[in-house]
């Protein structure tokens, strides 16, 4: 569906820091994204589109390490959110900075070690299409401390954590709600993930057929971390 705007506290954008040319080739082949080259003025940052609507970003990776997806949360005032982050045990990694004429961004680390962004929109409102094949459909925090994370995001964004099956227990899950709307999920970091991997935000994209998507990802040189699995809301994989 097309999205015109986001509420304060609602995840609104996602981008991947990677080899921009390789990422553009991969995601255009996988999802049919149109990804023009970025300009030097903005460091080569690329906005990908689907059905003529902005869907995600690709940022050239300047630091060593694996590529990573970042989640950005829509805010009314990035400076005020930075103060709340610091007051509630988080860290300000990149202070609010204007990306004229598109908006203001900031990067934070929550008390459990997960990195996330804030986006105060101007001309760039965030993802303009969601919940269709090739577009984002879910955001999920995988954390070492569900209680600390729940308290932090509640204090900063007003999210209400609704636990299912014992949030910190194996198989337990938490929904984050903003008013009546579910805006994301949270789960305890499972034992299969190496201890040195910090808490992180995962981004999920909708597909018509999970098995076919995984096969295509493998064909394109991607790797499967968790194969297609059925859960109550649907069928997913981690790649």
C-alpha atoms as a PDB file:
ATOM      1  CA  UNK A   1       0.000   0.000   0.000  1.00  0.00           C
ATOM      2  CA  UNK A   2       1.094   3.584  -0.590  1.00  0.00           C
ATOM      3  CA  UNK A   3       2.016   5.693   2.443  1.00  0.00           C
ATOM      4  CA  UNK A   4       1.892   9.481   2.503  1.00  0.00           C
ATOM      5  CA  UNK A   5       3.171  10.160   6.029  1.00  0.00           C
ATOM      6  CA  UNK A   6       4.134   8.560   9.333  1.00  0.00           C
ATOM      7  CA  UNK A   7       3.265   9.295  12.938  1.00  0.00           C
ATOM      8  CA  UNK A   8       5.892  10.313  15.451  1.00  0.00           C
ATOM      9  CA  UNK A   9       7.423   7.081  16.769  1.00  0.00           C
ATOM     10  CA  UNK A  10       6.585   4.931  13.729  1.00  0.00           C
ATOM     11  CA  UNK A  11       9.407   3.228  11.784  1.00  0.00           C
ATOM     12  CA  UNK A  12       9.490   4.924   8.387  1.00  0.00           C
ATOM     13  CA  UNK A  13      12.669   4.093   6.485  1.00  0.00           C
ATOM     14  CA  UNK A  14      15.383   1.504   6.011  1.00  0.00           C
ATOM     15  CA  UNK A  15      18.701   1.477   4.224  1.00  0.00           C
ATOM     16  CA  UNK A  16      21.582  -0.900   3.780  1.00  0.00           C
ATOM     17  CA  UNK A  17      25.232   0.059   4.117  1.00  0.00           C
ATOM     18  CA  UNK A  18      27.067  -2.061   1.563  1.00  0.00           C
ATOM     19  CA  UNK A  19      28.974  -2.120  -1.714  1.00  0.00           C
ATOM     20  CA  UNK A  20      26.440   0.099  -3.461  1.00  0.00           C
ATOM     21  CA  UNK A  21      26.886  -1.308  -6.970  1.00  0.00           C
ATOM     22  CA  UNK A  22      26.638  -4.931  -5.817  1.00  0.00           C
ATOM     23  CA  UNK A  23      23.661  -4.178  -3.584  1.00  0.00           C
ATOM     24  CA  UNK A  24      21.899  -2.359  -6.414  1.00  0.00           C
ATOM     25  CA  UNK A  25      22.409  -5.312  -8.759  1.00  0.00           C
ATOM     26  CA  UNK A  26      21.227  -7.797  -6.123  1.00  0.00           C
ATOM     27  CA  UNK A  27      18.070  -6.002  -4.961  1.00  0.00           C
ATOM     28  CA  UNK A  28      17.006  -4.903  -8.417  1.00  0.00           C
ATOM     29  CA  UNK A  29      17.211  -8.541  -9.555  1.00  0.00           C
ATOM     30  CA  UNK A  30      15.472  -9.824  -6.431  1.00  0.00           C
ATOM     31  CA  UNK A  31      12.689  -7.274  -5.927  1.00  0.00           C
ATOM     32  CA  UNK A  32      12.558  -5.372  -9.204  1.00  0.00           C
ATOM     33  CA  UNK A  33      13.702  -2.157  -7.545  1.00  0.00           C
ATOM     34  CA  UNK A  34      14.763   0.744  -9.740  1.00  0.00           C
ATOM     35  CA  UNK A  35      18.002   2.092  -8.287  1.00  0.00           C
ATOM     36  CA  UNK A  36      19.649   5.039 -10.036  1.00  0.00           C
ATOM     37  CA  UNK A  37      23.210   5.946  -9.116  1.00  0.00           C
ATOM     38  CA  UNK A  38      23.608   8.351  -6.233  1.00  0.00           C
ATOM     39  CA  UNK A  39      25.156  11.790  -6.498  1.00  0.00           C
ATOM     40  CA  UNK A  40      28.542  12.776  -5.139  1.00  0.00           C
ATOM     41  CA  UNK A  41      26.866  15.557  -3.142  1.00  0.00           C
ATOM     42  CA  UNK A  42      25.221  12.949  -0.901  1.00  0.00           C
ATOM     43  CA  UNK A  43      28.099  10.491  -0.801  1.00  0.00           C
ATOM     44  CA  UNK A  44      26.682   8.217  -3.478  1.00  0.00           C
ATOM     45  CA  UNK A  45      23.543   7.431  -1.462  1.00  0.00           C
ATOM     46  CA  UNK A  46      20.902   5.742  -3.625  1.00  0.00           C
ATOM     47  CA  UNK A  47      17.132   5.800  -3.234  1.00  0.00           C
ATOM     48  CA  UNK A  48      15.502   2.632  -4.528  1.00  0.00           C
ATOM     49  CA  UNK A  49      11.960   2.723  -5.837  1.00  0.00           C
ATOM     50  CA  UNK A  50       9.218   0.177  -6.452  1.00  0.00           C
ATOM     51  CA  UNK A  51       6.212   0.999  -8.603  1.00  0.00           C
ATOM     52  CA  UNK A  52       7.554   4.543  -8.801  1.00  0.00           C
ATOM     53  CA  UNK A  53       7.558   4.989  -5.006  1.00  0.00           C
ATOM     54  CA  UNK A  54      10.567   5.236  -2.678  1.00  0.00           C
ATOM     55  CA  UNK A  55      11.061   1.905  -0.907  1.00  0.00           C
ATOM     56  CA  UNK A  56      14.565   1.816   0.666  1.00  0.00           C
ATOM     57  CA  UNK A  57      18.057   3.274   0.498  1.00  0.00           C
ATOM     58  CA  UNK A  58      21.546   2.009  -0.281  1.00  0.00           C
ATOM     59  CA  UNK A  59      24.484   3.736   1.378  1.00  0.00           C
ATOM     60  CA  UNK A  60      28.067   3.063   0.224  1.00  0.00           C
ATOM     61  CA  UNK A  61      29.876   1.276   3.045  1.00  0.00           C
ATOM     62  CA  UNK A  62      32.896   3.185   4.336  1.00  0.00           C
ATOM     63  CA  UNK A  63      33.754   1.064   7.373  1.00  0.00           C
ATOM     64  CA  UNK A  64      35.021  -2.542   7.419  1.00  0.00           C
ATOM     65  CA  UNK A  65      32.636  -5.296   8.458  1.00  0.00           C
ATOM     66  CA  UNK A  66      29.553  -7.003   7.078  1.00  0.00           C
ATOM     67  CA  UNK A  67      26.827  -5.006   5.316  1.00  0.00           C
ATOM     68  CA  UNK A  68      23.972  -4.085   7.635  1.00  0.00           C
ATOM     69  CA  UNK A  69      20.389  -2.866   7.332  1.00  0.00           C
ATOM     70  CA  UNK A  70      19.389   0.131   9.445  1.00  0.00           C
ATOM     71  CA  UNK A  71      15.920   1.043  10.701  1.00  0.00           C
ATOM     72  CA  UNK A  72      14.852   4.697  11.055  1.00  0.00           C
ATOM     73  CA  UNK A  73      11.999   5.883  13.237  1.00  0.00           C
ATOM     74  CA  UNK A  74       9.960   8.905  12.208  1.00  0.00           C
ATOM     75  CA  UNK A  75      10.166  11.784  14.698  1.00  0.00           C
ATOM     76  CA  UNK A  76       8.750  15.281  15.006  1.00  0.00           C
ATOM     77  CA  UNK A  77      11.901  16.704  16.595  1.00  0.00           C
ATOM     78  CA  UNK A  78      15.226  14.862  16.315  1.00  0.00           C
ATOM     79  CA  UNK A  79      16.932  17.072  18.917  1.00  0.00           C
ATOM     80  CA  UNK A  80      14.260  16.307  21.527  1.00  0.00           C
ATOM     81  CA  UNK A  81      14.516  12.580  20.788  1.00  0.00           C
ATOM     82  CA  UNK A  82      18.306  12.707  21.173  1.00  0.00           C
ATOM     83  CA  UNK A  83      17.828  14.160  24.642  1.00  0.00           C
ATOM     84  CA  UNK A  84      15.361  11.398  25.540  1.00  0.00           C
ATOM     85  CA  UNK A  85      17.734   8.727  24.254  1.00  0.00           C
ATOM     86  CA  UNK A  86      20.588  10.020  26.409  1.00  0.00           C
ATOM     87  CA  UNK A  87      18.336  10.453  29.466  1.00  0.00           C
ATOM     88  CA  UNK A  88      17.123   6.851  29.246  1.00  0.00           C
ATOM     89  CA  UNK A  89      20.402   4.980  29.004  1.00  0.00           C
ATOM     90  CA  UNK A  90      20.977   5.131  25.243  1.00  0.00           C
ATOM     91  CA  UNK A  91      23.871   6.666  23.356  1.00  0.00           C
ATOM     92  CA  UNK A  92      23.917   9.327  20.666  1.00  0.00           C
ATOM     93  CA  UNK A  93      26.176   7.888  17.960  1.00  0.00           C
ATOM     94  CA  UNK A  94      25.516  10.579  15.330  1.00  0.00           C
ATOM     95  CA  UNK A  95      23.875  13.780  16.648  1.00  0.00           C
ATOM     96  CA  UNK A  96      20.974  15.206  14.650  1.00  0.00           C
ATOM     97  CA  UNK A  97      22.241  16.511  11.315  1.00  0.00           C
ATOM     98  CA  UNK A  98      20.287  18.169   8.541  1.00  0.00           C
ATOM     99  CA  UNK A  99      20.316  16.476   5.156  1.00  0.00           C
ATOM    100  CA  UNK A 100      18.893  19.416   3.221  1.00  0.00           C
ATOM    101  CA  UNK A 101      16.340  19.560   1.742  1.00  0.00           C
ATOM    102  CA  UNK A 102      15.268  16.033   2.674  1.00  0.00           C
ATOM    103  CA  UNK A 103      15.141  15.984   6.463  1.00  0.00           C
ATOM    104  CA  UNK A 104      17.178  15.553   9.643  1.00  0.00           C
ATOM    105  CA  UNK A 105      18.744  12.272  10.713  1.00  0.00           C
ATOM    106  CA  UNK A 106      20.387  10.953  13.862  1.00  0.00           C
ATOM    107  CA  UNK A 107      21.853   7.586  14.830  1.00  0.00           C
ATOM    108  CA  UNK A 108      21.486   6.112  18.322  1.00  0.00           C
ATOM    109  CA  UNK A 109      22.403   2.994  20.280  1.00  0.00           C
ATOM    110  CA  UNK A 110      19.810   1.616  22.698  1.00  0.00           C
ATOM    111  CA  UNK A 111      20.833   0.359  26.177  1.00  0.00           C
ATOM    112  CA  UNK A 112      21.096  -3.236  24.879  1.00  0.00           C
ATOM    113  CA  UNK A 113      23.506  -2.308  22.074  1.00  0.00           C
ATOM    114  CA  UNK A 114      21.126  -2.115  19.085  1.00  0.00           C
ATOM    115  CA  UNK A 115      21.801   0.690  16.600  1.00  0.00           C
ATOM    116  CA  UNK A 116      18.834   2.540  15.104  1.00  0.00           C
ATOM    117  CA  UNK A 117      18.136   5.843  13.418  1.00  0.00           C
ATOM    118  CA  UNK A 118      15.681   8.687  13.730  1.00  0.00           C
ATOM    119  CA  UNK A 119      14.361  10.617  10.748  1.00  0.00           C
ATOM    120  CA  UNK A 120      12.674  14.009  10.965  1.00  0.00           C
ATOM    121  CA  UNK A 121      11.164  14.393   7.498  1.00  0.00           C
ATOM    122  CA  UNK A 122      11.133  17.378   5.200  1.00  0.00           C
ATOM    123  CA  UNK A 123      10.946  16.566   1.482  1.00  0.00           C
ATOM    124  CA  UNK A 124      11.791  12.880   2.086  1.00  0.00           C
ATOM    125  CA  UNK A 125       8.914  11.427   4.105  1.00  0.00           C
ATOM    126  CA  UNK A 126      10.226   7.858   4.276  1.00  0.00           C
ATOM    127  CA  UNK A 127       9.133   4.711   2.473  1.00  0.00           C
ATOM    128  CA  UNK A 128       6.254   5.556   0.165  1.00  0.00           C
ATOM    129  CA  UNK A 129       5.083   1.973  -0.281  1.00  0.00           C
ATOM    130  CA  UNK A 130       4.810  -0.906   2.214  1.00  0.00           C
ATOM    131  CA  UNK A 131       3.316  -4.361   2.703  1.00  0.00           C
ATOM    132  CA  UNK A 132       3.426  -5.370  -0.957  1.00  0.00           C
ATOM    133  CA  UNK A 133       5.947  -7.821  -2.494  1.00  0.00           C
ATOM    134  CA  UNK A 134       9.341  -6.123  -2.626  1.00  0.00           C
ATOM    135  CA  UNK A 135       8.515  -3.551   0.068  1.00  0.00           C
ATOM    136  CA  UNK A 136       9.167  -3.530   3.792  1.00  0.00           C
ATOM    137  CA  UNK A 137       6.580  -5.319   5.883  1.00  0.00           C
ATOM    138  CA  UNK A 138       8.044  -5.713   9.379  1.00  0.00           C
ATOM    139  CA  UNK A 139      10.707  -4.423  11.771  1.00  0.00           C
ATOM    140  CA  UNK A 140      12.056  -6.603  14.572  1.00  0.00           C
ATOM    141  CA  UNK A 141      14.429  -5.943  17.442  1.00  0.00           C
ATOM    142  CA  UNK A 142      16.585  -8.945  18.402  1.00  0.00           C
ATOM    143  CA  UNK A 143      17.942  -8.075  21.823  1.00  0.00           C
ATOM    144  CA  UNK A 144      19.944  -9.368  24.754  1.00  0.00           C
ATOM    145  CA  UNK A 145      17.571  -7.755  27.281  1.00  0.00           C
ATOM    146  CA  UNK A 146      13.874  -7.533  26.380  1.00  0.00           C
ATOM    147  CA  UNK A 147      12.905  -5.738  29.599  1.00  0.00           C
ATOM    148  CA  UNK A 148      15.542  -3.016  29.231  1.00  0.00           C
ATOM    149  CA  UNK A 149      14.632  -2.545  25.574  1.00  0.00           C
ATOM    150  CA  UNK A 150      10.906  -2.367  26.315  1.00  0.00           C
ATOM    151  CA  UNK A 151      11.459   0.286  28.966  1.00  0.00           C
ATOM    152  CA  UNK A 152      13.750   2.320  26.709  1.00  0.00           C
ATOM    153  CA  UNK A 153      11.504   2.457  23.638  1.00  0.00           C
ATOM    154  CA  UNK A 154       8.495   3.160  25.811  1.00  0.00           C
ATOM    155  CA  UNK A 155      10.239   6.148  27.394  1.00  0.00           C
ATOM    156  CA  UNK A 156      11.606   7.506  24.101  1.00  0.00           C
ATOM    157  CA  UNK A 157       8.748   6.831  21.673  1.00  0.00           C
ATOM    158  CA  UNK A 158       5.752   5.938  23.807  1.00  0.00           C
ATOM    159  CA  UNK A 159       5.648   2.343  22.582  1.00  0.00           C
ATOM    160  CA  UNK A 160       3.712  -0.204  24.615  1.00  0.00           C
ATOM    161  CA  UNK A 161       5.311  -3.665  24.771  1.00  0.00           C
ATOM    162  CA  UNK A 162       2.725  -6.451  24.494  1.00  0.00           C
ATOM    163  CA  UNK A 163       4.347  -9.789  25.365  1.00  0.00           C
ATOM    164  CA  UNK A 164       3.217 -13.157  24.055  1.00  0.00           C
ATOM    165  CA  UNK A 165       4.347 -16.431  25.601  1.00  0.00           C
ATOM    166  CA  UNK A 166       6.858 -14.905  28.015  1.00  0.00           C
ATOM    167  CA  UNK A 167       8.904 -12.326  26.145  1.00  0.00           C
ATOM    168  CA  UNK A 168      12.323 -13.513  27.326  1.00  0.00           C
ATOM    169  CA  UNK A 169      11.524 -17.242  27.116  1.00  0.00           C
ATOM    170  CA  UNK A 170      12.351 -19.374  24.054  1.00  0.00           C
ATOM    171  CA  UNK A 171       9.590 -18.847  21.527  1.00  0.00           C
ATOM    172  CA  UNK A 172       8.337 -15.749  23.337  1.00  0.00           C
ATOM    173  CA  UNK A 173       7.616 -12.621  21.361  1.00  0.00           C
ATOM    174  CA  UNK A 174       6.735  -8.982  21.985  1.00  0.00           C
ATOM    175  CA  UNK A 175       4.741  -6.602  19.821  1.00  0.00           C
ATOM    176  CA  UNK A 176       5.497  -2.903  20.017  1.00  0.00           C
ATOM    177  CA  UNK A 177       2.329  -0.822  19.790  1.00  0.00           C
ATOM    178  CA  UNK A 178       1.976   2.893  19.176  1.00  0.00           C
ATOM    179  CA  UNK A 179      -1.554   3.626  20.256  1.00  0.00           C
ATOM    180  CA  UNK A 180      -3.654   0.920  18.599  1.00  0.00           C
ATOM    181  CA  UNK A 181      -1.142   0.316  15.805  1.00  0.00           C
ATOM    182  CA  UNK A 182       1.517  -2.415  15.914  1.00  0.00           C
ATOM    183  CA  UNK A 183       4.764  -0.871  14.655  1.00  0.00           C
ATOM    184  CA  UNK A 184       7.259  -3.695  15.179  1.00  0.00           C
ATOM    185  CA  UNK A 185       8.292  -6.705  17.195  1.00  0.00           C
ATOM    186  CA  UNK A 186      10.959  -7.845  19.625  1.00  0.00           C
ATOM    187  CA  UNK A 187      12.472 -11.169  20.574  1.00  0.00           C
ATOM    188  CA  UNK A 188      15.267 -12.318  22.847  1.00  0.00           C
ATOM    189  CA  UNK A 189      18.470 -13.067  20.952  1.00  0.00           C
ATOM    190  CA  UNK A 190      18.449 -16.845  20.387  1.00  0.00           C
ATOM    191  CA  UNK A 191      21.402 -19.048  21.410  1.00  0.00           C
ATOM    192  CA  UNK A 192      22.210 -19.853  17.770  1.00  0.00           C
ATOM    193  CA  UNK A 193      23.388 -16.276  17.202  1.00  0.00           C
ATOM    194  CA  UNK A 194      27.039 -15.922  18.306  1.00  0.00           C
ATOM    195  CA  UNK A 195      27.567 -14.108  21.592  1.00  0.00           C
ATOM    196  CA  UNK A 196      29.727 -11.442  19.941  1.00  0.00           C
ATOM    197  CA  UNK A 197      26.828 -10.324  17.735  1.00  0.00           C
ATOM    198  CA  UNK A 198      25.205  -7.321  19.450  1.00  0.00           C
ATOM    199  CA  UNK A 199      21.486  -6.641  19.657  1.00  0.00           C
ATOM    200  CA  UNK A 200      20.172  -5.467  16.295  1.00  0.00           C
ATOM    201  CA  UNK A 201      17.130  -4.341  14.325  1.00  0.00           C
ATOM    202  CA  UNK A 202      16.109  -6.709  11.509  1.00  0.00           C
ATOM    203  CA  UNK A 203      14.156  -5.614   8.428  1.00  0.00           C
ATOM    204  CA  UNK A 204      11.679  -7.916   6.655  1.00  0.00           C
ATOM    205  CA  UNK A 205      10.473  -7.511   3.078  1.00  0.00           C
ATOM    206  CA  UNK A 206       7.242  -8.974   1.764  1.00  0.00           C
ATOM    207  CA  UNK A 207       7.374 -11.645  -0.974  1.00  0.00           C
ATOM    208  CA  UNK A 208       4.780 -13.613  -2.900  1.00  0.00           C
ATOM    209  CA  UNK A 209       6.539 -16.934  -2.258  1.00  0.00           C
ATOM    210  CA  UNK A 210       9.168 -17.340   0.461  1.00  0.00           C
ATOM    211  CA  UNK A 211      10.637 -20.510  -1.018  1.00  0.00           C
ATOM    212  CA  UNK A 212      10.970 -18.975  -4.478  1.00  0.00           C
ATOM    213  CA  UNK A 213      12.524 -15.833  -2.980  1.00  0.00           C
ATOM    214  CA  UNK A 214      15.101 -17.891  -1.059  1.00  0.00           C
ATOM    215  CA  UNK A 215      15.950 -19.824  -4.214  1.00  0.00           C
ATOM    216  CA  UNK A 216      16.417 -16.548  -6.097  1.00  0.00           C
ATOM    217  CA  UNK A 217      18.577 -15.116  -3.301  1.00  0.00           C
ATOM    218  CA  UNK A 218      20.825 -18.187  -3.455  1.00  0.00           C
ATOM    219  CA  UNK A 219      21.021 -17.915  -7.249  1.00  0.00           C
ATOM    220  CA  UNK A 220      22.083 -14.281  -6.914  1.00  0.00           C
ATOM    221  CA  UNK A 221      24.887 -15.142  -4.479  1.00  0.00           C
ATOM    222  CA  UNK A 222      23.095 -14.542  -1.182  1.00  0.00           C
ATOM    223  CA  UNK A 223      23.239 -16.870   1.801  1.00  0.00           C
ATOM    224  CA  UNK A 224      20.454 -18.469   3.814  1.00  0.00           C
ATOM    225  CA  UNK A 225      20.731 -18.047   7.584  1.00  0.00           C
ATOM    226  CA  UNK A 226      17.366 -19.636   8.396  1.00  0.00           C
ATOM    227  CA  UNK A 227      15.389 -21.436   5.721  1.00  0.00           C
ATOM    228  CA  UNK A 228      11.667 -20.951   5.057  1.00  0.00           C
ATOM    229  CA  UNK A 229       9.706 -21.474   8.272  1.00  0.00           C
ATOM    230  CA  UNK A 230       5.991 -21.356   8.987  1.00  0.00           C
ATOM    231  CA  UNK A 231       4.697 -19.233  11.856  1.00  0.00           C
ATOM    232  CA  UNK A 232       1.157 -18.118  12.649  1.00  0.00           C
ATOM    233  CA  UNK A 233       1.314 -14.819  10.690  1.00  0.00           C
ATOM    234  CA  UNK A 234       2.908 -16.401   7.609  1.00  0.00           C
ATOM    235  CA  UNK A 235       6.095 -17.952   6.193  1.00  0.00           C
ATOM    236  CA  UNK A 236       9.477 -16.288   6.575  1.00  0.00           C
ATOM    237  CA  UNK A 237      13.201 -16.800   6.105  1.00  0.00           C
ATOM    238  CA  UNK A 238      16.350 -15.002   7.229  1.00  0.00           C
ATOM    239  CA  UNK A 239      18.977 -14.410   4.576  1.00  0.00           C
END
